[in-house]
C-alpha atoms as a PDB file:
ATOM      1  CA  MET A   1       0.057  -0.136   0.068  1.00  0.00           C
ATOM      2  CA  HIS A   2       1.184   3.412  -0.756  1.00  0.00           C
ATOM      3  CA  VAL A   3      -0.220   6.546   1.256  1.00  0.00           C
ATOM      4  CA  GLU A   4      -0.333  10.110   0.114  1.00  0.00           C
ATOM      5  CA  PHE A   5      -0.771  12.540   3.056  1.00  0.00           C
ATOM      6  CA  LEU A   6      -2.501  16.051   2.120  1.00  0.00           C
ATOM      7  CA  LEU A   7      -1.409  18.490   5.044  1.00  0.00           C
ATOM      8  CA  GLU A   8      -2.323  21.988   5.754  1.00  0.00           C
ATOM      9  CA  GLU A   9       0.757  23.138   7.510  1.00  0.00           C
ATOM     10  CA  PRO A  10       4.462  22.563   8.335  1.00  0.00           C
ATOM     11  CA  SER A  11       3.669  21.355  12.097  1.00  0.00           C
ATOM     12  CA  SER A  12       1.652  18.398  11.064  1.00  0.00           C
ATOM     13  CA  GLU A  13       4.137  17.516   8.344  1.00  0.00           C
ATOM     14  CA  GLU A  14       6.900  17.180  11.225  1.00  0.00           C
ATOM     15  CA  ALA A  15       4.674  15.427  13.795  1.00  0.00           C
ATOM     16  CA  LEU A  16       3.584  12.822  11.264  1.00  0.00           C
ATOM     17  CA  LYS A  17       7.239  12.268  10.229  1.00  0.00           C
ATOM     18  CA  LEU A  18       7.899  11.096  13.628  1.00  0.00           C
ATOM     19  CA  LEU A  19       4.314   9.199  14.343  1.00  0.00           C
ATOM     20  CA  LEU A  20       3.675   7.381  11.078  1.00  0.00           C
ATOM     21  CA  PRO A  21       6.536   4.892  11.635  1.00  0.00           C
ATOM     22  CA  ARG A  22       4.508   4.026  14.634  1.00  0.00           C
ATOM     23  CA  LEU A  23       1.114   3.765  12.942  1.00  0.00           C
ATOM     24  CA  LEU A  24       1.797   2.297   9.742  1.00  0.00           C
ATOM     25  CA  PRO A  25       2.954  -1.110   8.410  1.00  0.00           C
ATOM     26  CA  THR A  26       6.615  -1.217   7.597  1.00  0.00           C
ATOM     27  CA  ASP A  27       5.752  -2.461   4.288  1.00  0.00           C
ATOM     28  CA  THR A  28       3.730   0.899   3.685  1.00  0.00           C
ATOM     29  CA  SER A  29       5.246   3.572   1.678  1.00  0.00           C
ATOM     30  CA  TYR A  30       3.949   6.917   1.934  1.00  0.00           C
ATOM     31  CA  ALA A  31       4.423  10.658   1.097  1.00  0.00           C
ATOM     32  CA  LEU A  32       3.678  13.916   3.089  1.00  0.00           C
ATOM     33  CA  HIS A  33       2.457  16.953   1.290  1.00  0.00           C
ATOM     34  CA  ASN A  34       2.264  20.267   2.984  1.00  0.00           C
ATOM     35  CA  LEU A  35      -0.069  22.510   1.367  1.00  0.00           C
ATOM     36  CA  HIS A  36       1.168  25.624   3.893  1.00  0.00           C
ATOM     37  CA  ASP A  37      -2.313  26.691   4.575  1.00  0.00           C
ATOM     38  CA  LYS A  38      -5.938  25.230   4.868  1.00  0.00           C
ATOM     39  CA  GLN A  39      -7.480  27.549   2.506  1.00  0.00           C
ATOM     40  CA  THR A  40      -4.953  26.449  -0.473  1.00  0.00           C
ATOM     41  CA  LEU A  41      -5.510  22.876   0.314  1.00  0.00           C
ATOM     42  CA  LEU A  42      -9.092  23.076   0.298  1.00  0.00           C
ATOM     43  CA  LYS A  43      -9.196  25.026  -2.925  1.00  0.00           C
ATOM     44  CA  HIS A  44      -7.047  22.668  -4.757  1.00  0.00           C
ATOM     45  CA  LEU A  45      -8.277  19.461  -2.982  1.00  0.00           C
ATOM     46  CA  LYS A  46     -10.832  18.399  -5.672  1.00  0.00           C
ATOM     47  CA  ASN A  47      -7.992  18.806  -8.575  1.00  0.00           C
ATOM     48  CA  ARG A  48      -5.476  17.044  -6.545  1.00  0.00           C
ATOM     49  CA  LEU A  49      -7.728  13.991  -5.956  1.00  0.00           C
ATOM     50  CA  ARG A  50      -8.590  13.987  -9.611  1.00  0.00           C
ATOM     51  CA  GLY A  51      -5.199  13.514 -10.286  1.00  0.00           C
ATOM     52  CA  TYR A  52      -4.727  10.625  -7.922  1.00  0.00           C
ATOM     53  CA  ALA A  53      -7.650   9.069  -9.439  1.00  0.00           C
ATOM     54  CA  GLN A  54      -5.675   8.822 -12.645  1.00  0.00           C
ATOM     55  CA  TRP A  55      -2.669   7.029 -10.917  1.00  0.00           C
ATOM     56  CA  ASN A  56      -1.903   3.804 -11.833  1.00  0.00           C
ATOM     57  CA  VAL A  57      -0.832   2.673  -8.452  1.00  0.00           C
ATOM     58  CA  PRO A  58      -2.218  -0.579  -6.959  1.00  0.00           C
ATOM     59  CA  ASP A  59      -3.406   0.181  -3.167  1.00  0.00           C
ATOM     60  CA  LEU A  60      -3.095   3.647  -3.048  1.00  0.00           C
ATOM     61  CA  ARG A  61      -4.648   5.571  -0.366  1.00  0.00           C
ATOM     62  CA  VAL A  62      -5.221   9.349   0.233  1.00  0.00           C
ATOM     63  CA  VAL A  63      -5.279  11.032   3.707  1.00  0.00           C
ATOM     64  CA  VAL A  64      -6.434  14.568   4.030  1.00  0.00           C
ATOM     65  CA  LEU A  65      -5.923  16.070   7.246  1.00  0.00           C
ATOM     66  CA  VAL A  66      -7.076  19.739   8.215  1.00  0.00           C
ATOM     67  CA  ASP A  67      -7.275  21.699  11.368  1.00  0.00           C
ATOM     68  CA  CYS A  68     -11.037  22.229  12.420  1.00  0.00           C
ATOM     69  CA  ASP A  69     -10.221  25.924  13.691  1.00  0.00           C
ATOM     70  CA  ASP A  70     -13.362  28.169  14.066  1.00  0.00           C
ATOM     71  CA  ASP A  71     -15.139  26.172  11.255  1.00  0.00           C
ATOM     72  CA  ASP A  72     -18.244  24.114  11.527  1.00  0.00           C
ATOM     73  CA  CYS A  73     -16.731  20.596  11.605  1.00  0.00           C
ATOM     74  CA  ALA A  74     -19.691  19.160   9.901  1.00  0.00           C
ATOM     75  CA  ASP A  75     -19.470  21.642   7.186  1.00  0.00           C
ATOM     76  CA  LEU A  76     -15.842  21.024   6.744  1.00  0.00           C
ATOM     77  CA  LYS A  77     -16.117  17.609   6.389  1.00  0.00           C
ATOM     78  CA  ARG A  78     -18.742  17.548   3.793  1.00  0.00           C
ATOM     79  CA  GLN A  79     -16.674  19.850   1.688  1.00  0.00           C
ATOM     80  CA  MET A  80     -13.730  17.211   1.925  1.00  0.00           C
ATOM     81  CA  GLU A  81     -16.115  14.452   1.149  1.00  0.00           C
ATOM     82  CA  GLU A  82     -17.623  16.199  -1.731  1.00  0.00           C
ATOM     83  CA  ALA A  83     -14.252  16.910  -3.027  1.00  0.00           C
ATOM     84  CA  ALA A  84     -13.302  13.335  -2.898  1.00  0.00           C
ATOM     85  CA  LEU A  85     -17.040  11.657  -4.522  1.00  0.00           C
ATOM     86  CA  ASP A  86     -16.570  14.502  -7.080  1.00  0.00           C
ATOM     87  CA  ALA A  87     -13.153  13.068  -8.154  1.00  0.00           C
ATOM     88  CA  GLY A  88     -14.449   9.393  -8.409  1.00  0.00           C
ATOM     89  CA  LEU A  89     -12.827   8.133  -5.305  1.00  0.00           C
ATOM     90  CA  THR A  90     -14.352   6.447  -2.147  1.00  0.00           C
ATOM     91  CA  THR A  91     -14.052   7.681   1.041  1.00  0.00           C
ATOM     92  CA  LYS A  92     -14.084   5.842   4.402  1.00  0.00           C
ATOM     93  CA  THR A  93     -17.322   7.589   5.214  1.00  0.00           C
ATOM     94  CA  SER A  94     -19.079   6.941   2.059  1.00  0.00           C
ATOM     95  CA  ALA A  95     -17.830   3.264   1.698  1.00  0.00           C
ATOM     96  CA  GLY A  96     -20.046   1.915   4.415  1.00  0.00           C
ATOM     97  CA  GLY A  97     -17.386  -0.485   5.711  1.00  0.00           C
ATOM     98  CA  SER A  98     -16.141  -1.545   2.516  1.00  0.00           C
ATOM     99  CA  ALA A  99     -12.763  -0.730   1.086  1.00  0.00           C
ATOM    100  CA  PHE A 100     -12.075   3.068   0.218  1.00  0.00           C
ATOM    101  CA  VAL A 101      -9.284   5.448  -1.152  1.00  0.00           C
ATOM    102  CA  VAL A 102      -9.666   8.558   0.868  1.00  0.00           C
ATOM    103  CA  LEU A 103      -9.795   9.002   4.473  1.00  0.00           C
ATOM    104  CA  ASN A 104     -10.813  12.656   5.487  1.00  0.00           C
ATOM    105  CA  ARG A 105      -9.459  13.473   8.885  1.00  0.00           C
ATOM    106  CA  ILE A 106     -10.437  16.744  11.031  1.00  0.00           C
ATOM    107  CA  ALA A 107      -8.031  17.601  14.144  1.00  0.00           C
ATOM    108  CA  ILE A 108     -10.456  19.426  16.829  1.00  0.00           C
ATOM    109  CA  GLU A 109      -9.713  22.305  16.965  1.00  0.00           C
ATOM    110  CA  GLU A 110      -6.167  22.567  15.830  1.00  0.00           C
ATOM    111  CA  LEU A 111      -3.074  19.800  15.933  1.00  0.00           C
ATOM    112  CA  GLU A 112      -2.088  20.973  19.188  1.00  0.00           C
ATOM    113  CA  ALA A 113      -5.040  19.317  20.667  1.00  0.00           C
ATOM    114  CA  TRP A 114      -3.337  15.854  20.000  1.00  0.00           C
ATOM    115  CA  PHE A 115      -0.152  16.952  21.772  1.00  0.00           C
ATOM    116  CA  PHE A 116      -2.477  18.007  24.859  1.00  0.00           C
ATOM    117  CA  GLY A 117      -3.864  14.528  24.649  1.00  0.00           C
ATOM    118  CA  ASP A 118      -0.442  12.878  25.787  1.00  0.00           C
ATOM    119  CA  MET A 119       0.269  14.911  28.580  1.00  0.00           C
ATOM    120  CA  GLU A 120       3.468  12.722  29.490  1.00  0.00           C
ATOM    121  CA  ALA A 121       4.971  13.327  25.929  1.00  0.00           C
ATOM    122  CA  ILE A 122       4.580  17.209  26.684  1.00  0.00           C
ATOM    123  CA  ARG A 123       6.077  16.547  30.131  1.00  0.00           C
ATOM    124  CA  THR A 124       9.109  14.441  28.711  1.00  0.00           C
ATOM    125  CA  ALA A 125       9.674  17.307  25.999  1.00  0.00           C
ATOM    126  CA  TYR A 126       9.361  19.833  28.723  1.00  0.00           C
ATOM    127  CA  PRO A 127       9.957  18.612  32.070  1.00  0.00           C
ATOM    128  CA  ARG A 128       9.236  21.886  33.955  1.00  0.00           C
ATOM    129  CA  VAL A 129       5.428  21.323  32.924  1.00  0.00           C
ATOM    130  CA  PRO A 130       3.534  20.377  36.141  1.00  0.00           C
ATOM    131  CA  ALA A 131       2.574  16.610  36.464  1.00  0.00           C
ATOM    132  CA  SER A 132      -0.971  18.167  37.488  1.00  0.00           C
ATOM    133  CA  LEU A 133      -1.623  19.797  34.678  1.00  0.00           C
ATOM    134  CA  GLY A 134      -3.510  17.117  32.752  1.00  0.00           C
ATOM    135  CA  GLN A 135      -6.169  17.262  35.865  1.00  0.00           C
ATOM    136  CA  GLN A 136      -7.003  20.582  35.319  1.00  0.00           C
ATOM    137  CA  ALA A 137     -10.264  21.352  33.899  1.00  0.00           C
ATOM    138  CA  LYS A 138      -9.418  23.218  31.001  1.00  0.00           C
ATOM    139  CA  TYR A 139      -6.996  20.491  29.562  1.00  0.00           C
ATOM    140  CA  ARG A 140      -8.798  16.966  30.729  1.00  0.00           C
ATOM    141  CA  ASP A 141     -10.636  17.214  27.219  1.00  0.00           C
ATOM    142  CA  PRO A 142      -7.876  18.195  24.655  1.00  0.00           C
ATOM    143  CA  ASP A 143     -10.381  18.760  21.912  1.00  0.00           C
ATOM    144  CA  ALA A 144     -12.624  21.236  24.037  1.00  0.00           C
ATOM    145  CA  ILE A 145      -9.857  23.460  24.887  1.00  0.00           C
ATOM    146  CA  THR A 146     -11.109  27.064  24.020  1.00  0.00           C
ATOM    147  CA  GLY A 147      -9.182  29.958  22.567  1.00  0.00           C
ATOM    148  CA  GLY A 148      -7.118  27.958  20.325  1.00  0.00           C
ATOM    149  CA  THR A 149      -4.942  25.042  21.299  1.00  0.00           C
ATOM    150  CA  TRP A 150      -1.810  26.426  20.050  1.00  0.00           C
ATOM    151  CA  GLU A 151      -1.803  29.502  22.027  1.00  0.00           C
ATOM    152  CA  ALA A 152      -3.031  27.150  25.007  1.00  0.00           C
ATOM    153  CA  LEU A 153       0.471  25.348  24.490  1.00  0.00           C
ATOM    154  CA  GLU A 154       2.456  28.422  24.047  1.00  0.00           C
ATOM    155  CA  HIS A 155       0.805  29.855  27.314  1.00  0.00           C
ATOM    156  CA  VAL A 156       1.700  26.538  29.333  1.00  0.00           C
ATOM    157  CA  LEU A 157       5.188  26.263  27.690  1.00  0.00           C
ATOM    158  CA  GLN A 158       5.948  30.159  28.472  1.00  0.00           C
ATOM    159  CA  LYS A 159       4.754  29.688  31.890  1.00  0.00           C
ATOM    160  CA  GLN A 160       7.315  27.331  32.613  1.00  0.00           C
ATOM    161  CA  GLY A 161      10.122  29.424  30.687  1.00  0.00           C
ATOM    162  CA  TYR A 162      10.010  27.679  27.413  1.00  0.00           C
ATOM    163  CA  HIS A 163       9.431  29.417  23.868  1.00  0.00           C
ATOM    164  CA  ARG A 164      10.127  32.724  25.553  1.00  0.00           C
ATOM    165  CA  GLU A 165       9.839  34.590  22.154  1.00  0.00           C
ATOM    166  CA  GLY A 166       6.698  33.032  21.141  1.00  0.00           C
ATOM    167  CA  LEU A 167       5.723  29.128  20.387  1.00  0.00           C
ATOM    168  CA  ALA A 168       8.262  27.664  17.602  1.00  0.00           C
ATOM    169  CA  LYS A 169       5.437  25.499  16.103  1.00  0.00           C
ATOM    170  CA  LEU A 170       7.715  23.217  14.384  1.00  0.00           C
ATOM    171  CA  LYS A 171      10.307  22.637  17.231  1.00  0.00           C
ATOM    172  CA  ALA A 172       7.578  22.131  19.486  1.00  0.00           C
ATOM    173  CA  ALA A 173       5.782  19.504  17.071  1.00  0.00           C
ATOM    174  CA  ARG A 174       8.936  17.692  16.933  1.00  0.00           C
ATOM    175  CA  ASP A 175       9.929  17.671  20.561  1.00  0.00           C
ATOM    176  CA  ILE A 176       6.610  16.459  21.637  1.00  0.00           C
ATOM    177  CA  ALA A 177       5.686  14.160  18.752  1.00  0.00           C
ATOM    178  CA  TRP A 178       9.057  12.299  19.324  1.00  0.00           C
ATOM    179  CA  HIS A 179       7.800  11.073  22.813  1.00  0.00           C
ATOM    180  CA  MET A 180       4.115  10.712  21.984  1.00  0.00           C
ATOM    181  CA  ASP A 181       2.741   7.134  22.637  1.00  0.00           C
ATOM    182  CA  PRO A 182      -0.623   6.818  20.374  1.00  0.00           C
ATOM    183  CA  SER A 183      -1.951   4.445  22.720  1.00  0.00           C
ATOM    184  CA  ARG A 184      -2.393   6.474  25.579  1.00  0.00           C
ATOM    185  CA  ASN A 185      -3.706   9.621  23.751  1.00  0.00           C
ATOM    186  CA  ARG A 186      -6.545  11.034  25.293  1.00  0.00           C
ATOM    187  CA  SER A 187      -7.814  13.244  22.195  1.00  0.00           C
ATOM    188  CA  THR A 188     -10.805  11.773  20.543  1.00  0.00           C
ATOM    189  CA  SER A 189      -9.894  13.330  17.202  1.00  0.00           C
ATOM    190  CA  PHE A 190      -6.454  11.704  17.604  1.00  0.00           C
ATOM    191  CA  LYS A 191      -7.972   8.580  17.967  1.00  0.00           C
ATOM    192  CA  VAL A 192     -10.238   8.937  15.126  1.00  0.00           C
ATOM    193  CA  PHE A 193      -7.431   9.429  12.876  1.00  0.00           C
ATOM    194  CA  ILE A 194      -5.481   6.400  13.784  1.00  0.00           C
ATOM    195  CA  ASN A 195      -8.545   4.513  13.849  1.00  0.00           C
ATOM    196  CA  GLY A 196      -9.184   5.563  10.290  1.00  0.00           C
ATOM    197  CA  LEU A 197      -5.468   4.318   9.517  1.00  0.00           C
ATOM    198  CA  ALA A 198      -5.962   1.351  10.745  1.00  0.00           C
ATOM    199  CA  ALA A 199      -9.335   0.659   8.677  1.00  0.00           C
ATOM    200  CA  MET A 200      -7.150   1.341   5.645  1.00  0.00           C
END
């Protein structure tokens, strides 16, 4: 199997570089494509998927990953699904349990929620972060953190003396993803992502 990943930002690319070897079988090849922003990814998604529909690659799969941000999650998912179906490609949602080509996934609200889903990884990367952080009401449900998860991560790390000049998102993604254990992650959207990969 070969998997093409369409991503909206560099930090997703950096995190997946470290996570995918732990999430995919060793005989699966893959390529990461960073489209640099969500609007560009969504604007060109249908044409990219039409291109993939013309590929003569056995067992090709395409994973599209975007942040929800402030968008309506259902509307965003519908837009992604329609792009795939218009390109003639079956999605996991439309396949109803059968084989599919495209896996559309949304990080709620942003990729950094996946990092908050593994507090041990955050604390291993940044040891001054208190062990009690995950028990605080704001951080118990990573996908429900309000006000932006990257801003929340920046606040947490700066409070402990890290990233004083502002959150370096690529560095934080590498630092934390290196220590992540997918089996202990508490983010629902991360679990949905890895379950989708398993279903492929």
